Amino acid sequence: MRVELYGVDAPERGQPFADAATRAVRAAVFRTEVRAREKASGPDGRSFFVVQAGDHVLNEHLLRNGLAWWDRQQAPRSDRYRRLEQRARTAERGLWARPEPVPPWTWRGEGGP
């Protein structure tokens, strides 16, 4: 089942760290009870979820490990997501180990948050 995560934007297929983000999600949910709570819906009607997988909030897990960007357009007031991304940047975790990682919205050609 495909679920859109609220407040995070992970690298697109073909981007650096896309495979690492996919592996992290699979590892977090494998043989684990998963709960998804709808947090918002987009202009196209898609729902976005906060996903609890065992002891992890998947959205936060990706940010904490430098495997996703905080989506400022979708979650502009999420101080927690901002802090998690900033800590990963400072620690140069995951995609933040690269000099100038390309955000997925730029990769897709959408402009940006």
N, C-alpha and C. Protein backbone atom coordinates (compact mmCIF):
# COMPACT_ATOMS: atom_id res chain seq x y z
N MET A 1 0.84 -1.18 0.00
CA MET A 1 0.00 0.00 0.00
C MET A 1 0.89 1.24 0.00
N ARG A 2 0.54 2.20 -0.79
CA ARG A 2 1.30 3.45 -0.86
C ARG A 2 0.62 4.50 0.02
N VAL A 3 1.41 5.14 0.84
CA VAL A 3 0.91 6.18 1.74
C VAL A 3 1.80 7.41 1.59
N GLU A 4 1.19 8.56 1.43
CA GLU A 4 1.93 9.81 1.34
C GLU A 4 2.18 10.33 2.76
N LEU A 5 3.46 10.61 3.07
CA LEU A 5 3.81 11.08 4.41
C LEU A 5 3.63 12.59 4.53
N TYR A 6 3.07 12.99 5.64
CA TYR A 6 2.83 14.40 5.92
C TYR A 6 4.13 15.10 6.33
N GLY A 7 4.37 16.25 5.74
CA GLY A 7 5.42 17.15 6.19
C GLY A 7 6.83 16.78 5.79
N VAL A 8 7.00 15.72 4.99
CA VAL A 8 8.34 15.34 4.55
C VAL A 8 8.31 15.09 3.05
N ASP A 9 9.46 15.29 2.42
CA ASP A 9 9.60 15.03 1.00
C ASP A 9 10.91 14.28 0.81
N ALA A 10 10.82 13.01 0.49
CA ALA A 10 12.00 12.15 0.34
C ALA A 10 12.52 12.23 -1.08
N PRO A 11 13.78 11.86 -1.27
CA PRO A 11 14.36 11.89 -2.62
C PRO A 11 13.56 11.01 -3.59
N GLU A 12 13.48 11.47 -4.82
CA GLU A 12 12.79 10.75 -5.88
C GLU A 12 13.66 9.61 -6.40
N ARG A 13 13.02 8.62 -7.00
CA ARG A 13 13.76 7.51 -7.62
C ARG A 13 14.80 8.10 -8.57
N GLY A 14 16.03 7.62 -8.43
CA GLY A 14 17.12 8.11 -9.26
C GLY A 14 17.96 9.18 -8.58
N GLN A 15 17.44 9.80 -7.55
CA GLN A 15 18.19 10.80 -6.79
C GLN A 15 19.08 10.10 -5.77
N PRO A 16 20.21 10.74 -5.40
CA PRO A 16 21.01 10.19 -4.30
C PRO A 16 20.15 10.05 -3.04
N PHE A 17 20.32 8.97 -2.35
CA PHE A 17 19.65 8.64 -1.10
C PHE A 17 18.21 8.18 -1.26
N ALA A 18 17.71 8.09 -2.49
CA ALA A 18 16.36 7.56 -2.68
C ALA A 18 16.28 6.11 -2.23
N ASP A 19 17.28 5.31 -2.60
CA ASP A 19 17.28 3.90 -2.20
C ASP A 19 17.44 3.76 -0.69
N ALA A 20 18.27 4.61 -0.09
CA ALA A 20 18.46 4.56 1.36
C ALA A 20 17.16 4.90 2.09
N ALA A 21 16.43 5.89 1.58
CA ALA A 21 15.15 6.26 2.20
C ALA A 21 14.15 5.11 2.06
N THR A 22 14.11 4.48 0.91
CA THR A 22 13.21 3.34 0.69
C THR A 22 13.55 2.20 1.64
N ARG A 23 14.85 1.90 1.77
CA ARG A 23 15.27 0.83 2.69
C ARG A 23 14.91 1.16 4.13
N ALA A 24 15.05 2.43 4.52
CA ALA A 24 14.73 2.83 5.89
C ALA A 24 13.24 2.66 6.16
N VAL A 25 12.40 3.00 5.20
CA VAL A 25 10.96 2.83 5.37
C VAL A 25 10.62 1.35 5.48
N ARG A 26 11.16 0.56 4.57
CA ARG A 26 10.88 -0.89 4.61
C ARG A 26 11.33 -1.50 5.92
N ALA A 27 12.52 -1.14 6.39
CA ALA A 27 13.02 -1.70 7.65
C ALA A 27 12.14 -1.28 8.83
N ALA A 28 11.65 -0.05 8.79
CA ALA A 28 10.82 0.46 9.90
C ALA A 28 9.46 -0.23 9.97
N VAL A 29 8.91 -0.62 8.82
CA VAL A 29 7.55 -1.18 8.81
C VAL A 29 7.51 -2.70 8.73
N PHE A 30 8.63 -3.34 8.40
CA PHE A 30 8.65 -4.79 8.23
C PHE A 30 8.25 -5.51 9.51
N ARG A 31 7.21 -6.34 9.40
CA ARG A 31 6.70 -7.13 10.52
C ARG A 31 6.43 -6.28 11.76
N THR A 32 5.90 -5.11 11.53
CA THR A 32 5.59 -4.17 12.60
C THR A 32 4.16 -3.69 12.45
N GLU A 33 3.50 -3.51 13.55
CA GLU A 33 2.16 -2.91 13.48
C GLU A 33 2.32 -1.45 13.10
N VAL A 34 1.60 -1.07 12.06
CA VAL A 34 1.70 0.29 11.53
C VAL A 34 0.34 0.97 11.67
N ARG A 35 0.37 2.19 12.16
CA ARG A 35 -0.85 3.01 12.24
C ARG A 35 -0.61 4.29 11.47
N ALA A 36 -1.59 4.67 10.68
CA ALA A 36 -1.50 5.90 9.89
C ALA A 36 -2.66 6.80 10.27
N ARG A 37 -2.32 8.06 10.58
CA ARG A 37 -3.33 9.05 10.93
C ARG A 37 -3.30 10.16 9.88
N GLU A 38 -4.45 10.37 9.24
CA GLU A 38 -4.51 11.43 8.23
C GLU A 38 -4.32 12.77 8.90
N LYS A 39 -3.39 13.55 8.34
CA LYS A 39 -3.07 14.85 8.92
C LYS A 39 -3.53 16.00 8.03
N ALA A 40 -3.52 15.77 6.72
CA ALA A 40 -3.90 16.83 5.78
C ALA A 40 -4.25 16.21 4.44
N SER A 41 -4.87 17.03 3.59
CA SER A 41 -5.08 16.60 2.22
C SER A 41 -4.63 17.72 1.30
N GLY A 42 -4.11 17.31 0.16
CA GLY A 42 -3.59 18.27 -0.80
C GLY A 42 -4.67 18.80 -1.70
N PRO A 43 -4.32 19.78 -2.53
CA PRO A 43 -5.29 20.39 -3.44
C PRO A 43 -5.86 19.39 -4.45
N ASP A 44 -5.12 18.31 -4.69
CA ASP A 44 -5.59 17.30 -5.64
C ASP A 44 -6.39 16.19 -4.95
N GLY A 45 -6.64 16.37 -3.64
CA GLY A 45 -7.44 15.39 -2.91
C GLY A 45 -6.65 14.27 -2.26
N ARG A 46 -5.34 14.20 -2.51
CA ARG A 46 -4.52 13.16 -1.88
C ARG A 46 -4.44 13.41 -0.38
N SER A 47 -4.45 12.34 0.38
CA SER A 47 -4.31 12.44 1.83
C SER A 47 -2.85 12.26 2.22
N PHE A 48 -2.46 12.95 3.28
CA PHE A 48 -1.10 12.86 3.82
C PHE A 48 -1.21 12.39 5.26
N PHE A 49 -0.31 11.48 5.63
CA PHE A 49 -0.43 10.79 6.91
C PHE A 49 0.82 10.93 7.77
N VAL A 50 0.58 10.88 9.08
CA VAL A 50 1.65 10.66 10.05
C VAL A 50 1.58 9.17 10.34
N VAL A 51 2.70 8.48 10.18
CA VAL A 51 2.73 7.02 10.29
C VAL A 51 3.55 6.59 11.49
N GLN A 52 2.91 5.83 12.35
CA GLN A 52 3.56 5.25 13.52
C GLN A 52 3.88 3.80 13.19
N ALA A 53 5.16 3.43 13.26
CA ALA A 53 5.60 2.06 12.99
C ALA A 53 6.40 1.60 14.21
N GLY A 54 5.76 0.82 15.05
CA GLY A 54 6.42 0.40 16.28
C GLY A 54 6.73 1.61 17.14
N ASP A 55 8.00 1.79 17.47
CA ASP A 55 8.42 2.92 18.32
C ASP A 55 8.73 4.18 17.53
N HIS A 56 8.63 4.11 16.21
CA HIS A 56 9.03 5.24 15.37
C HIS A 56 7.83 5.94 14.75
N VAL A 57 7.92 7.26 14.69
CA VAL A 57 7.05 8.02 13.80
C VAL A 57 7.87 8.12 12.51
N LEU A 58 7.40 7.45 11.49
CA LEU A 58 8.16 7.30 10.25
C LEU A 58 8.56 8.66 9.66
N ASN A 59 7.67 9.61 9.67
CA ASN A 59 7.94 10.94 9.13
C ASN A 59 9.19 11.53 9.82
N GLU A 60 9.20 11.45 11.15
CA GLU A 60 10.31 12.00 11.94
C GLU A 60 11.58 11.17 11.76
N HIS A 61 11.43 9.87 11.66
CA HIS A 61 12.57 8.96 11.48
C HIS A 61 13.35 9.33 10.22
N LEU A 62 12.65 9.62 9.13
CA LEU A 62 13.31 10.00 7.89
C LEU A 62 14.05 11.33 8.03
N LEU A 63 13.42 12.30 8.67
CA LEU A 63 14.08 13.59 8.89
C LEU A 63 15.29 13.45 9.79
N ARG A 64 15.13 12.73 10.87
CA ARG A 64 16.20 12.55 11.87
C ARG A 64 17.45 11.92 11.24
N ASN A 65 17.24 11.02 10.29
CA ASN A 65 18.34 10.31 9.67
C ASN A 65 18.83 10.93 8.37
N GLY A 66 18.32 12.12 8.06
CA GLY A 66 18.77 12.82 6.86
C GLY A 66 18.35 12.14 5.57
N LEU A 67 17.16 11.54 5.59
CA LEU A 67 16.68 10.82 4.40
C LEU A 67 15.47 11.50 3.76
N ALA A 68 15.15 12.70 4.22
CA ALA A 68 14.04 13.47 3.65
C ALA A 68 14.21 14.94 4.04
N TRP A 69 13.55 15.78 3.29
CA TRP A 69 13.49 17.21 3.59
C TRP A 69 12.20 17.49 4.35
N TRP A 70 12.23 18.49 5.19
CA TRP A 70 11.02 19.00 5.81
C TRP A 70 10.27 19.76 4.72
N ASP A 71 9.01 19.42 4.51
CA ASP A 71 8.18 20.07 3.50
C ASP A 71 7.55 21.31 4.12
N ARG A 72 8.17 22.45 3.88
CA ARG A 72 7.76 23.71 4.50
C ARG A 72 6.40 24.21 4.01
N GLN A 73 6.02 23.81 2.79
CA GLN A 73 4.71 24.23 2.28
C GLN A 73 3.60 23.45 2.97
N GLN A 74 3.83 22.18 3.17
CA GLN A 74 2.79 21.33 3.73
C GLN A 74 2.70 21.46 5.26
N ALA A 75 3.83 21.64 5.91
CA ALA A 75 3.86 21.70 7.38
C ALA A 75 4.65 22.93 7.83
N PRO A 76 4.18 24.13 7.46
CA PRO A 76 4.98 25.33 7.72
C PRO A 76 5.20 25.65 9.19
N ARG A 77 4.31 25.20 10.05
CA ARG A 77 4.45 25.53 11.47
C ARG A 77 4.99 24.37 12.30
N SER A 78 5.55 23.37 11.64
CA SER A 78 6.08 22.23 12.38
C SER A 78 7.49 22.51 12.86
N ASP A 79 7.56 23.07 14.06
CA ASP A 79 8.85 23.36 14.66
C ASP A 79 9.64 22.08 14.90
N ARG A 80 8.94 21.01 15.22
CA ARG A 80 9.61 19.72 15.45
C ARG A 80 10.29 19.23 14.18
N TYR A 81 9.59 19.28 13.05
CA TYR A 81 10.18 18.84 11.79
C TYR A 81 11.35 19.74 11.42
N ARG A 82 11.22 21.04 11.65
CA ARG A 82 12.31 21.98 11.36
C ARG A 82 13.54 21.62 12.18
N ARG A 83 13.36 21.34 13.47
CA ARG A 83 14.49 20.99 14.34
C ARG A 83 15.13 19.67 13.93
N LEU A 84 14.32 18.68 13.60
CA LEU A 84 14.87 17.38 13.18
C LEU A 84 15.71 17.52 11.92
N GLU A 85 15.22 18.29 10.94
CA GLU A 85 16.00 18.50 9.73
C GLU A 85 17.28 19.26 10.04
N GLN A 86 17.19 20.29 10.88
CA GLN A 86 18.37 21.09 11.20
C GLN A 86 19.44 20.24 11.91
N ARG A 87 19.02 19.38 12.81
CA ARG A 87 19.98 18.50 13.50
C ARG A 87 20.66 17.56 12.52
N ALA A 88 19.90 17.00 11.59
CA ALA A 88 20.49 16.11 10.58
C ALA A 88 21.47 16.88 9.70
N ARG A 89 21.11 18.11 9.34
CA ARG A 89 22.01 18.94 8.53
C ARG A 89 23.31 19.20 9.28
N THR A 90 23.18 19.63 10.53
CA THR A 90 24.36 19.96 11.34
C THR A 90 25.27 18.75 11.51
N ALA A 91 24.67 17.58 11.71
CA ALA A 91 25.44 16.34 11.89
C ALA A 91 25.88 15.73 10.56
N GLU A 92 25.47 16.35 9.44
CA GLU A 92 25.77 15.87 8.09
C GLU A 92 25.36 14.41 7.92
N ARG A 93 24.14 14.10 8.41
CA ARG A 93 23.58 12.76 8.28
C ARG A 93 22.90 12.58 6.94
N GLY A 94 23.04 11.38 6.38
CA GLY A 94 22.31 11.04 5.17
C GLY A 94 22.62 12.00 4.03
N LEU A 95 21.57 12.52 3.41
CA LEU A 95 21.74 13.38 2.25
C LEU A 95 22.46 14.67 2.59
N TRP A 96 22.49 15.04 3.85
CA TRP A 96 23.16 16.27 4.26
C TRP A 96 24.68 16.11 4.28
N ALA A 97 25.18 14.89 4.05
CA ALA A 97 26.63 14.68 3.93
C ALA A 97 27.12 15.18 2.56
N ARG A 98 26.21 15.36 1.63
CA ARG A 98 26.56 15.88 0.30
C ARG A 98 26.67 17.39 0.38
N PRO A 99 27.52 18.00 -0.45
CA PRO A 99 27.71 19.45 -0.38
C PRO A 99 26.43 20.26 -0.64
N GLU A 100 25.69 19.92 -1.67
CA GLU A 100 24.47 20.66 -1.99
C GLU A 100 23.41 19.69 -2.51
N PRO A 101 22.74 18.99 -1.59
CA PRO A 101 21.73 18.03 -2.06
C PRO A 101 20.58 18.76 -2.78
N VAL A 102 20.12 18.14 -3.85
CA VAL A 102 19.05 18.73 -4.66
C VAL A 102 17.71 18.29 -4.08
N PRO A 103 16.89 19.23 -3.65
CA PRO A 103 15.57 18.87 -3.10
C PRO A 103 14.70 18.19 -4.15
N PRO A 104 13.83 17.28 -3.73
CA PRO A 104 12.99 16.56 -4.69
C PRO A 104 12.08 17.47 -5.51
N TRP A 105 11.62 18.58 -4.94
CA TRP A 105 10.74 19.47 -5.72
C TRP A 105 11.52 20.13 -6.86
N THR A 106 12.82 20.36 -6.68
CA THR A 106 13.65 20.88 -7.77
C THR A 106 13.88 19.78 -8.80
N TRP A 107 14.16 18.58 -8.31
CA TRP A 107 14.36 17.40 -9.18
C TRP A 107 13.13 17.18 -10.07
N ARG A 108 11.94 17.37 -9.48
CA ARG A 108 10.68 17.17 -10.24
C ARG A 108 10.36 18.38 -11.11
N GLY A 109 11.06 19.50 -10.87
CA GLY A 109 10.81 20.71 -11.66
C GLY A 109 9.59 21.49 -11.22
N GLU A 110 9.27 21.44 -9.91
CA GLU A 110 8.07 22.10 -9.40
C GLU A 110 8.32 23.48 -8.81
N GLY A 111 9.54 23.94 -8.74
CA GLY A 111 9.78 25.18 -8.02
C GLY A 111 10.25 24.85 -6.64
N GLY A 112 9.43 25.04 -5.64
CA GLY A 112 9.86 24.66 -4.30
C GLY A 112 9.06 25.29 -3.20
N PRO A 113 9.28 24.76 -2.00
CA PRO A 113 8.59 25.32 -0.83
C PRO A 113 9.12 26.67 -0.46
